[in-house]
Protein backbone atom coordinates (compact mmCIF):
# COMPACT_ATOMS: atom_id res chain seq x y z
CA MET A 1 129.73 110.91 -87.83
CA PRO A 2 132.75 108.75 -89.99
CA PHE A 3 136.00 108.44 -87.77
CA ALA A 4 137.87 109.35 -90.84
CA LEU A 5 135.80 113.01 -90.95
CA ILE A 6 136.36 113.40 -86.93
CA LEU A 7 140.07 112.62 -87.27
CA PHE A 8 140.36 115.14 -90.54
CA LEU A 9 138.70 117.90 -88.43
CA LEU A 10 140.56 117.23 -85.22
CA MET A 11 143.78 117.54 -87.40
CA LEU A 12 142.53 120.66 -89.17
CA LEU A 13 141.70 122.25 -85.54
CA THR A 14 145.05 121.36 -84.01
CA GLY A 15 146.85 122.26 -87.30
CA VAL A 16 145.44 125.92 -87.42
CA ILE A 17 146.37 126.32 -83.80
CA TRP A 18 149.84 125.62 -84.23
CA LEU A 19 150.07 127.79 -87.26
CA LEU A 20 148.61 130.61 -85.60
CA ASP A 21 150.72 130.09 -82.61
CA ARG A 22 153.88 130.06 -85.01
CA PHE A 23 153.08 132.87 -87.02
CA MET A 24 151.14 135.22 -84.81
CA LEU A 25 150.85 133.91 -80.87
CA ARG A 26 153.96 133.88 -79.95
CA ALA A 27 155.19 136.80 -80.87
CA LYS A 28 152.76 138.75 -78.74
CA ARG A 29 153.52 136.80 -75.83
CA PRO A 30 155.43 137.99 -73.10
CA ALA A 31 158.99 136.60 -72.64
CA GLY A 32 158.63 134.02 -69.83
CA VAL A 33 154.99 133.74 -70.24
CA ASN A 34 154.14 129.94 -70.70
CA GLU A 35 151.81 128.73 -73.58
CA PRO A 36 148.20 128.65 -73.00
CA TRP A 37 147.01 124.76 -72.36
CA TRP A 38 145.17 124.54 -75.39
CA VAL A 39 148.24 125.74 -77.68
CA GLU A 40 150.66 123.35 -75.86
CA TYR A 41 147.99 120.49 -76.39
CA ALA A 42 147.39 121.38 -80.08
CA LYS A 43 151.19 121.46 -80.76
CA SER A 44 151.72 117.99 -79.50
CA PHE A 45 148.65 116.38 -80.68
CA PHE A 46 148.85 117.75 -84.52
CA PRO A 47 151.86 115.78 -85.82
CA VAL A 48 150.45 112.43 -84.16
CA ILE A 49 147.18 113.49 -86.02
CA LEU A 50 148.60 114.27 -89.05
CA VAL A 51 150.91 111.05 -89.35
CA VAL A 52 147.67 108.92 -87.95
CA PHE A 53 145.52 110.56 -90.98
CA LEU A 54 147.65 110.16 -93.61
CA LEU A 55 148.31 106.15 -92.92
CA ARG A 56 144.84 105.60 -92.62
CA SER A 57 143.69 107.55 -95.62
CA PHE A 58 146.65 106.40 -98.11
CA LEU A 59 148.22 103.12 -96.77
CA PHE A 60 146.34 101.21 -94.10
CA GLU A 61 143.53 100.88 -92.02
CA PRO A 62 142.38 98.77 -89.29
CA PHE A 63 138.86 96.94 -89.09
CA LYS A 64 137.58 94.65 -86.72
CA ILE A 65 135.19 91.79 -87.86
CA PRO A 66 131.92 92.16 -86.46
CA SER A 67 130.02 89.09 -87.52
CA GLY A 68 130.59 85.42 -88.87
CA SER A 69 129.46 86.03 -92.52
CA MET A 70 133.40 85.57 -92.96
CA ILE A 71 133.82 82.35 -91.20
CA PRO A 72 136.14 80.31 -91.70
CA THR A 73 138.55 83.14 -93.45
CA LEU A 74 137.80 85.49 -90.89
CA HIS A 75 136.30 85.38 -86.91
CA VAL A 76 134.07 87.61 -85.18
CA GLY A 77 136.64 89.40 -82.94
CA ASP A 78 139.90 89.43 -85.51
CA PHE A 79 141.20 92.48 -86.13
CA ILE A 80 142.54 93.07 -89.61
CA LEU A 81 144.72 95.46 -91.76
CA VAL A 82 143.28 96.71 -95.01
CA ASN A 83 145.49 98.33 -97.94
CA ARG A 84 144.02 101.43 -98.86
CA PHE A 85 146.30 101.62 -102.00
CA THR A 86 145.87 98.58 -103.86
CA TYR A 87 142.98 99.79 -105.65
CA GLY A 88 144.28 102.96 -106.39
CA LEU A 89 144.83 106.18 -103.93
CA ARG A 90 142.16 107.98 -103.18
CA LEU A 91 140.75 111.52 -101.84
CA PRO A 92 140.24 111.30 -98.14
CA ILE A 93 136.62 111.78 -96.70
CA VAL A 94 134.91 111.87 -100.36
CA ASN A 95 136.54 108.54 -101.16
CA LYS A 96 137.16 110.07 -105.25
CA LYS A 97 140.07 108.02 -106.67
CA PHE A 98 142.65 110.25 -108.20
CA ILE A 99 145.47 107.70 -109.25
CA GLU A 100 144.48 104.66 -110.93
CA ILE A 101 146.60 100.89 -109.52
CA ASN A 102 144.92 97.76 -109.56
CA GLN A 103 141.19 96.47 -109.67
CA PRO A 104 139.78 94.17 -107.87
CA GLN A 105 140.16 90.73 -108.49
CA ARG A 106 137.48 87.44 -108.20
CA GLY A 107 138.53 86.15 -104.82
CA ASP A 108 139.52 89.54 -103.30
CA VAL A 109 138.26 89.78 -99.55
CA MET A 110 137.63 93.30 -99.81
CA VAL A 111 136.50 96.19 -97.54
CA PHE A 112 133.95 98.62 -98.51
CA HIS A 113 130.95 101.06 -97.54
CA TYR A 114 127.47 99.16 -97.11
CA PRO A 115 125.68 100.74 -100.17
CA GLU A 116 122.42 100.90 -97.77
CA ASP A 117 123.96 102.65 -95.46
CA PRO A 118 127.58 104.03 -96.42
CA SER A 119 128.50 105.00 -92.32
CA VAL A 120 128.76 101.26 -92.36
CA ASP A 121 131.73 99.34 -93.51
CA TYR A 122 131.30 95.91 -94.71
CA ILE A 123 133.85 92.79 -95.58
CA LYS A 124 133.17 90.55 -98.20
CA ARG A 125 134.61 88.49 -101.04
CA VAL A 126 134.89 89.88 -104.57
CA VAL A 127 132.60 87.03 -106.54
CA GLY A 128 132.04 88.81 -109.63
CA VAL A 129 133.76 91.68 -111.42
CA PRO A 130 132.11 94.39 -113.96
CA GLY A 131 130.92 92.00 -117.07
CA ASP A 132 130.52 88.97 -115.40
CA LYS A 133 127.08 86.99 -115.25
CA VAL A 134 127.04 85.48 -111.42
CA VAL A 135 124.51 82.42 -111.04
CA TYR A 136 124.26 81.15 -107.54
CA ARG A 137 122.60 77.58 -108.16
CA ASP A 138 122.30 74.58 -105.83
CA LYS A 139 124.33 76.62 -103.46
CA LYS A 140 127.29 76.05 -106.28
CA LEU A 141 128.71 79.44 -108.49
CA TRP A 142 129.01 79.58 -112.07
CA ILE A 143 130.92 82.38 -113.09
CA ASN A 144 130.44 83.40 -117.08
CA GLY A 145 128.67 79.81 -117.53
CA VAL A 146 131.76 78.30 -116.12
CA ALA A 147 130.77 76.00 -112.60
CA GLN A 148 133.54 77.09 -109.99
CA GLU A 149 134.74 73.70 -108.29
CA GLN A 150 133.64 72.86 -104.76
CA GLN A 151 135.82 70.09 -102.73
CA ARG A 152 134.25 68.73 -99.69
CA ASP A 153 136.53 69.99 -96.73
CA GLY A 154 134.67 67.79 -93.91
CA ASP A 155 132.31 69.47 -91.25
CA TYR A 156 132.59 73.01 -89.37
CA ASN A 157 131.07 74.15 -86.41
CA TYR A 158 130.72 77.18 -84.55
CA VAL A 159 129.15 78.96 -81.72
CA GLU A 160 126.84 82.03 -82.66
CA SER A 161 127.15 85.28 -80.17
CA GLU A 162 123.87 84.35 -78.81
CA LEU A 163 125.38 80.57 -77.79
CA ARG A 164 123.64 79.05 -80.76
CA PHE A 165 125.35 75.52 -81.84
CA VAL A 166 125.61 75.89 -85.73
CA HIS A 167 126.36 72.59 -87.75
CA THR A 168 128.14 73.29 -91.61
CA GLU A 169 129.97 71.27 -93.96
CA ARG A 170 133.23 73.07 -95.36
CA TYR A 171 134.44 73.01 -98.86
CA GLN A 172 137.45 74.56 -100.77
CA GLU A 173 136.23 76.47 -103.49
CA ASN A 174 138.06 77.27 -106.56
CA LEU A 175 137.04 80.79 -107.72
CA ASN A 176 138.91 80.75 -111.03
CA GLY A 177 142.01 79.27 -110.12
CA ARG A 178 141.95 80.96 -106.54
CA MET A 179 141.29 78.44 -103.54
CA HIS A 180 139.56 79.57 -100.49
CA PRO A 181 137.20 78.00 -97.77
CA ILE A 182 133.46 78.46 -97.85
CA LEU A 183 130.68 76.99 -95.57
CA LEU A 184 127.08 75.75 -96.37
CA ASN A 185 124.54 74.67 -93.96
CA PRO A 186 122.54 72.02 -95.67
CA ASP A 187 119.38 72.95 -93.48
CA MET A 188 119.45 76.35 -94.90
CA PRO A 189 117.59 77.44 -98.20
CA LEU A 190 119.61 78.67 -100.97
CA LEU A 191 117.90 82.28 -100.30
CA HIS A 192 115.42 83.87 -98.58
CA LEU A 193 113.63 85.84 -100.93
CA GLY A 194 111.47 87.84 -98.69
CA ASN A 195 114.77 89.50 -97.83
CA VAL A 196 115.64 90.55 -101.05
CA ALA A 197 115.91 94.62 -101.48
CA ASN A 198 114.77 96.82 -104.17
CA PHE A 199 118.21 97.93 -105.01
CA PRO A 200 119.81 99.98 -107.77
CA GLN A 201 120.04 98.23 -110.66
CA HIS A 202 117.85 95.18 -109.78
CA GLU A 203 117.00 94.74 -113.34
CA GLN A 204 119.94 93.28 -113.70
CA CYS A 205 119.63 89.84 -111.60
CA SER A 206 116.99 87.05 -111.74
CA TYR A 207 115.45 85.24 -108.76
CA SER A 208 113.86 81.98 -108.19
CA GLU A 209 113.66 79.52 -105.53
CA VAL A 210 116.46 77.31 -106.88
CA GLU A 211 118.94 80.12 -108.32
CA VAL A 212 120.02 83.79 -108.16
CA SER A 213 121.55 84.89 -111.32
CA CYS A 214 123.21 88.68 -112.11
CA VAL A 215 125.31 90.38 -114.81
CA VAL A 216 127.45 92.84 -112.89
CA PRO A 217 127.22 96.17 -114.27
CA THR A 218 130.14 98.62 -115.39
CA GLY A 219 132.42 99.99 -112.43
CA GLN A 220 130.67 97.50 -109.92
CA TYR A 221 131.23 94.45 -108.14
CA PHE A 222 129.58 91.64 -107.01
CA MET A 223 130.17 90.37 -103.11
CA MET A 224 129.65 87.29 -101.38
CA GLY A 225 130.25 85.76 -97.71
CA ASP A 226 132.40 82.91 -97.21
CA ASN A 227 130.16 81.91 -94.67
CA ARG A 228 127.09 81.34 -97.39
CA ASP A 229 124.18 80.53 -95.46
CA ASN A 230 124.77 83.18 -92.86
CA SER A 231 125.63 86.26 -94.95
CA ARG A 232 123.46 89.21 -96.32
CA ASP A 233 125.52 90.27 -99.21
CA SER A 234 124.87 91.24 -103.18
CA ARG A 235 122.15 88.37 -103.30
CA TYR A 236 120.34 90.33 -101.14
CA TRP A 237 121.47 94.35 -101.50
CA GLY A 238 122.92 94.41 -104.84
CA PHE A 239 126.13 95.69 -106.19
CA VAL A 240 129.14 97.71 -104.75
CA PRO A 241 130.12 100.59 -106.71
CA ASP A 242 134.02 101.19 -107.19
CA ASP A 243 133.40 104.76 -105.42
CA MET A 244 132.62 102.96 -102.17
CA ILE A 245 135.69 100.50 -102.13
CA VAL A 246 137.86 100.76 -99.02
CA GLY A 247 140.55 98.53 -99.54
CA LYS A 248 141.97 94.77 -99.61
CA ALA A 249 142.01 92.87 -96.40
CA PHE A 250 145.21 91.31 -96.10
CA PHE A 251 146.55 90.76 -92.44
CA ILE A 252 145.13 89.41 -89.16
CA TRP A 253 146.93 91.49 -86.55
CA MET A 254 145.10 90.61 -83.30
CA ASN A 255 142.11 88.72 -81.74
CA PHE A 256 142.33 88.88 -78.03
CA GLY A 257 139.89 85.83 -77.94
CA GLU A 258 141.95 83.68 -80.34
CA LEU A 259 145.99 84.71 -79.95
CA LYS A 260 146.91 81.83 -82.53
CA ARG A 261 145.40 83.82 -85.25
CA ILE A 262 147.56 86.92 -84.80
CA GLY A 263 150.09 87.38 -87.74
CA LEU A 264 147.79 85.20 -90.23
CA SER A 265 147.50 86.37 -93.71
CA ILE A 266 144.10 86.54 -95.54
CA GLU A 267 143.60 84.91 -98.57
């Protein structure tokens, strides 16, 4: 069960108990008799749960980075904050937008519900917005026929969770004027064709051993991880619909294994 739904049910339960006590039970309780424990607990927890629910639903939501698909921008173990309102206000639980504010832009680091399993949240970078033609060829991005510049920025080595050493090449990618780091592994193929799913609007994409080409449908987005050869993203499972967007990642507030990362902004 999604955490937001659990929080909502707890808020509803404690709120109902608080209202019942305020307007019915308190008047029937003999003078000098203490409140039942369940009433006392509900009255104590209801305002806390209410504030957490409102903050998490409309302002900021915490998220922990579970994998290395966004290295070097985000590391495994980073605890980040996600801005829930920058792309518009949405109804809790159903995630239906009711106030439009901004649209996701190329280069944004975005959290969303994974299209193949909406109970799971993913984080990737927005590469294509509605109407874009995204081409990934020779491990370089082309957006609407324009090559996105890559500048070599040395090597980058890291160790995966199973203690496997990984050597990659680091680049600075200019995605429509916005610079961000990416990793490319020269020993990995452009794509593992056998892992491409039969996702909705698959006909918008074409695949070969040397190129992936997709036209992004209306109201959907094309996402890629910064660790390009260690990321299962839109190349494999398709597009992210607007109603699956959670928000924009913007701040690292904790990493117990790398304290120096605390306070870093996410670009």
